[in-house]
Amino acid sequence: MRVIVAGASGALGRVLVPELVRSGHEVIGLTRTAEGAARVRSAGGSLWSPTSWIATACCAPQQASGRMRSSTSSRRC
């Protein structure tokens, strides 16, 4: 499953990204700094680029900086 993680290099994202990668998911991280970007890449994730990825095409967007409500969409991946 393709998963976007906002806050991918933060306190929760540091744990979440490698776990998702180990579970076989394609992880796309959003981060604010070059150091954070390096951390996401070293965990096996890639970085979000508005020219190459469309957030709405993801099956499971994750907000690692806070709680996210589940979607009411019936779309399955």
Protein backbone atom coordinates (compact mmCIF):
# COMPACT_ATOMS: atom_id res chain seq x y z
CA MET A 1 0.00 0.00 0.00
CA ARG A 2 1.24 3.53 -0.73
CA VAL A 3 1.24 5.59 2.47
CA ILE A 4 2.02 9.29 2.89
CA VAL A 5 3.30 10.24 6.34
CA ALA A 6 3.18 13.93 7.31
CA GLY A 7 5.75 14.58 10.01
CA ALA A 8 7.82 11.63 8.80
CA SER A 9 10.98 12.75 10.58
CA GLY A 10 9.28 13.80 13.83
CA ALA A 11 8.92 11.86 17.06
CA LEU A 12 6.18 9.56 15.77
CA GLY A 13 7.30 9.48 12.15
CA ARG A 14 10.76 8.20 13.14
CA VAL A 15 9.08 5.07 14.46
CA LEU A 16 6.24 4.84 11.95
CA VAL A 17 8.21 5.13 8.69
CA PRO A 18 10.65 2.22 9.28
CA GLU A 19 7.83 0.04 10.61
CA LEU A 20 5.69 0.66 7.53
CA VAL A 21 8.67 -0.03 5.24
CA ARG A 22 9.42 -3.31 7.09
CA SER A 23 5.78 -4.26 6.62
CA GLY A 24 6.18 -3.91 2.86
CA HIS A 25 4.46 -0.56 2.31
CA GLU A 26 5.66 2.17 -0.04
CA VAL A 27 6.20 5.12 2.27
CA ILE A 28 6.25 8.73 1.08
CA GLY A 29 7.43 11.12 3.76
CA LEU A 30 6.76 14.82 4.21
CA THR A 31 9.39 16.70 6.19
CA ARG A 32 10.58 20.30 6.50
CA THR A 33 14.37 19.96 6.68
CA ALA A 34 17.24 18.39 4.76
CA GLU A 35 18.17 16.46 7.91
CA GLY A 36 14.62 15.11 8.11
CA ALA A 37 14.71 14.16 4.44
CA ALA A 38 17.92 12.19 5.00
CA ARG A 39 16.31 10.41 7.95
CA VAL A 40 13.28 9.40 5.86
CA ARG A 41 15.50 8.11 3.04
CA SER A 42 17.71 6.16 5.43
CA ALA A 43 14.60 4.46 6.83
CA GLY A 44 13.67 3.29 3.33
CA GLY A 45 11.05 5.90 2.52
CA SER A 46 10.91 8.35 -0.33
CA LEU A 47 10.09 12.04 -0.23
CA TRP A 48 6.89 13.65 -1.42
CA SER A 49 7.22 15.75 -4.52
CA PRO A 50 4.20 17.63 -5.86
CA THR A 51 5.32 16.89 -9.42
CA SER A 52 5.63 13.13 -9.00
CA TRP A 53 2.98 12.08 -6.45
CA ILE A 54 -0.65 12.91 -5.91
CA ALA A 55 -1.68 12.66 -2.26
CA THR A 56 -5.23 11.63 -3.12
CA ALA A 57 -3.93 8.54 -4.91
CA CYS A 58 -2.73 7.12 -1.59
CA CYS A 59 -4.71 4.46 0.16
CA ALA A 60 -3.68 5.33 3.70
CA PRO A 61 -2.48 8.87 4.39
CA GLN A 62 -0.99 9.13 7.89
CA GLN A 63 -0.55 12.27 9.99
CA ALA A 64 2.27 11.37 12.38
CA SER A 65 2.05 14.66 14.22
CA GLY A 66 -1.43 14.12 15.59
CA ARG A 67 -4.62 12.10 15.46
CA MET A 68 -6.33 11.60 12.12
CA ARG A 69 -9.92 10.52 11.65
CA SER A 70 -10.56 7.64 9.32
CA SER A 71 -12.04 8.41 5.93
CA THR A 72 -15.69 7.78 5.21
CA SER A 73 -14.73 6.71 1.70
CA SER A 74 -15.58 3.14 0.71
CA ARG A 75 -12.61 3.00 -1.67
CA ARG A 76 -10.44 -0.06 -1.17
CA CYS A 77 -6.82 -0.40 -2.16
